Protein backbone atom coordinates (compact mmCIF):
# COMPACT_ATOMS: atom_id res chain seq x y z
CA MET A 1 -0.02 0.03 -0.02
CA ARG A 2 2.69 2.44 0.89
CA THR A 3 4.69 1.68 -2.33
CA ARG A 4 1.58 2.20 -4.42
CA PHE A 5 1.09 5.67 -2.73
CA LEU A 6 4.65 6.43 -3.14
CA LEU A 7 4.72 5.46 -6.75
CA SER A 8 1.55 7.43 -7.64
CA THR A 9 2.90 10.43 -5.89
CA LEU A 10 5.95 10.13 -7.89
CA VAL A 11 4.03 9.78 -11.17
CA LEU A 12 1.94 12.94 -10.27
CA LEU A 13 5.15 14.93 -9.44
CA ALA A 14 6.68 13.82 -12.73
CA SER A 15 3.77 14.79 -14.72
CA CYS A 16 3.78 18.39 -13.16
CA VAL A 17 7.47 18.86 -13.71
CA ILE A 18 7.61 17.79 -17.30
CA SER A 19 6.28 20.61 -19.47
CA ARG A 20 4.86 20.70 -22.83
CA PRO A 21 6.23 22.91 -25.52
CA GLU A 22 4.42 26.24 -26.03
CA PHE A 23 1.83 26.15 -28.73
CA VAL A 24 2.98 28.17 -31.79
CA GLU A 25 0.25 29.43 -34.10
CA PRO A 26 0.79 28.28 -37.77
CA LYS A 27 1.62 31.00 -40.11
CA TRP A 28 -0.85 32.18 -42.61
CA ASN A 29 1.17 31.02 -45.70
CA ASP A 30 -1.24 30.66 -48.63
CA ALA A 31 -4.34 30.18 -46.69
CA PRO A 32 -7.30 32.41 -48.01
CA PRO A 33 -8.09 35.50 -45.98
CA PRO A 34 -10.59 35.01 -43.23
CA ARG A 35 -14.17 36.34 -43.45
CA PRO A 36 -14.37 39.33 -40.81
CA ALA A 37 -16.59 37.34 -38.48
CA GLU A 38 -13.66 34.71 -37.99
CA ILE A 39 -11.32 37.35 -36.81
CA THR A 40 -11.00 36.92 -32.92
CA GLU A 41 -8.09 39.34 -32.13
CA ILE A 42 -6.27 42.42 -33.42
CA THR A 43 -3.03 43.62 -31.79
CA TRP A 44 -1.08 46.85 -32.39
CA GLU A 45 2.25 47.35 -30.68
CA LEU A 46 4.37 50.56 -31.14
CA ARG A 47 8.06 50.57 -29.80
CA THR A 48 9.98 53.70 -29.49
CA CYS A 49 13.76 53.49 -28.51
CA VAL A 50 15.88 56.33 -27.50
CA LYS A 51 17.75 55.53 -24.36
CA SER A 52 15.53 52.71 -23.31
CA CYS A 53 12.58 51.21 -25.23
CA ARG A 54 9.10 52.24 -24.50
CA TYR A 55 6.12 50.09 -25.75
CA GLU A 56 2.38 50.92 -26.37
CA HIS A 57 0.56 47.69 -26.78
CA ILE A 58 -3.13 47.51 -27.77
CA VAL A 59 -5.32 44.36 -27.86
CA LEU A 60 -8.88 44.42 -29.31
CA ARG A 61 -10.78 41.13 -29.02
CA ARG A 62 -14.02 39.94 -30.58
CA ASP A 63 -15.56 39.22 -27.30
CA GLY A 64 -15.64 42.83 -26.48
CA ARG A 65 -12.49 43.19 -24.18
CA ALA A 66 -9.73 45.59 -25.02
CA SER A 67 -6.55 46.42 -23.21
CA HIS A 68 -3.92 49.28 -23.67
CA GLU A 69 -0.71 48.67 -21.93
CA PHE A 70 2.33 51.08 -21.69
CA ARG A 71 5.80 49.48 -20.82
CA THR A 72 9.32 50.60 -20.34
CA GLY A 73 11.32 47.64 -21.01
CA LYS A 74 9.62 44.73 -19.41
CA ARG A 75 8.10 46.91 -16.59
CA VAL A 76 4.49 47.70 -17.02
CA ASP A 77 3.86 51.43 -16.39
CA SER A 78 0.25 51.43 -16.76
CA LEU A 79 -2.67 49.27 -18.02
CA PHE A 80 -6.13 50.37 -19.10
CA LEU A 81 -9.24 48.36 -20.03
CA ALA A 82 -12.13 49.12 -22.33
CA SER A 83 -15.07 47.47 -24.10
CA VAL A 84 -15.00 47.36 -27.98
CA ASP A 85 -18.43 47.17 -29.54
CA SER A 86 -18.96 44.02 -31.69
CA SER A 87 -19.99 46.05 -34.66
CA ALA A 88 -16.97 48.22 -34.41
CA PHE A 89 -14.81 45.20 -34.09
CA LEU A 90 -16.38 43.69 -37.16
CA ALA A 91 -16.01 46.87 -39.18
CA LEU A 92 -12.50 47.01 -38.31
CA GLY A 93 -11.84 43.55 -39.43
CA SER A 94 -13.72 44.18 -42.71
CA LEU A 95 -11.49 47.15 -43.18
CA LEU A 96 -8.17 45.31 -42.60
CA LEU A 97 -9.26 42.87 -45.18
CA GLU A 98 -10.25 45.57 -47.67
CA ARG A 99 -6.78 47.34 -47.23
CA GLY A 100 -4.90 43.99 -48.00
CA PHE A 101 -3.64 43.12 -44.59
CA PHE A 102 -3.53 39.34 -45.63
CA ILE A 103 -1.71 39.99 -48.77
CA GLY A 104 1.96 39.65 -49.11
CA ARG A 105 4.51 37.37 -47.52
CA ASP A 106 4.44 36.09 -43.88
CA GLU A 107 6.49 37.92 -41.34
CA GLU A 108 7.72 36.97 -38.00
CA GLY A 109 5.94 39.88 -36.39
CA GLU A 110 8.94 41.16 -34.43
CA HIS A 111 10.38 44.60 -34.01
CA GLU A 112 13.32 45.61 -36.14
CA PRO A 113 16.32 45.38 -33.69
CA LEU A 114 18.08 48.74 -34.66
CA ALA A 115 15.04 50.91 -35.48
CA THR A 116 14.20 53.83 -33.18
CA LYS A 117 10.46 53.30 -33.96
CA SER A 118 8.80 50.16 -35.21
CA LEU A 119 5.21 48.87 -35.25
CA VAL A 120 4.04 45.14 -35.19
CA MET A 121 0.40 44.47 -35.95
CA SER A 122 -1.36 41.01 -35.93
CA VAL A 123 -4.72 39.72 -36.72
CA GLY A 124 -5.62 36.18 -35.29
CA THR A 125 -8.37 33.75 -35.96
CA LEU A 126 -9.16 30.65 -33.94
CA CYS A 127 -6.31 28.83 -35.49
CA ARG A 128 -3.99 31.15 -37.26
CA ARG A 129 -2.33 34.43 -36.94
CA ARG A 130 -0.98 36.95 -39.51
CA ALA A 131 1.63 39.40 -38.46
CA SER A 132 2.97 42.53 -40.16
CA SER A 133 5.96 44.76 -39.19
CA VAL A 134 6.26 48.52 -40.17
CA TRP A 135 9.73 50.25 -39.53
CA ASN A 136 10.74 53.93 -39.36
CA LEU A 137 7.01 54.88 -39.76
CA ALA A 138 7.55 57.66 -42.32
CA PRO A 139 3.90 57.61 -43.33
CA PRO A 140 2.09 55.18 -41.09
CA SER A 141 0.26 52.38 -43.02
CA SER A 142 -3.56 52.69 -43.47
CA THR A 143 -4.13 49.41 -41.52
CA ALA A 144 -2.16 50.87 -38.52
CA ALA A 145 -4.06 54.05 -38.73
CA ALA A 146 -7.36 52.16 -38.75
CA ILE A 147 -6.46 50.12 -35.64
CA ASP A 148 -5.14 53.24 -33.79
CA SER A 149 -8.38 55.24 -34.73
CA VAL A 150 -10.65 52.53 -33.24
CA ALA A 151 -8.47 52.38 -30.19
CA ARG A 152 -8.34 56.14 -29.59
CA GLY A 153 -12.30 56.16 -29.82
CA LEU A 154 -12.65 53.77 -26.80
CA HIS A 155 -13.38 54.95 -23.18
CA TRP A 156 -10.41 53.57 -21.32
CA SER A 157 -10.31 53.04 -17.60
CA ARG A 158 -7.18 52.45 -15.37
CA CYS A 159 -6.99 48.78 -14.66
CA CYS A 160 -5.10 47.87 -11.54
CA ARG A 161 -2.67 49.13 -9.15
CA LEU A 162 0.90 48.18 -10.31
CA ASP A 163 3.19 47.61 -7.48
CA TYR A 164 7.03 47.30 -7.97
CA ASP A 165 9.68 46.19 -5.54
């Protein structure tokens, strides 16, 4: 009885210690563009680097949740939450499709290492994600402007208290 208990405890501990690899969403490749109703999440992240890098990260979700995070390096400076109307989200998804967000080659969706300003946008469905990077932001792309415009129109409220050690 004791050995069974010890053996089952060992198996349970081993299953907790052994971790699975993180799920990586497949690239869009040559899959057809989604319908606007299939889009579940739209993200927009602007990075500005002078002495240190500052990030502005916006996430709009089909379920109506939206978040707006400001970071310096890895430290979260402030976090805001809002509700996005489902019709506004659907209209933004349609606009991204019209402006050709899903046309072109797949990108990794990472910031340019040496750029002082770079923007990464992504659109996700339930099983795939398409990312696009914009560097040096001479004229901002029309898709980036559309996402930013929707985000600026939301009523943001400060989320939570952020404590630092």
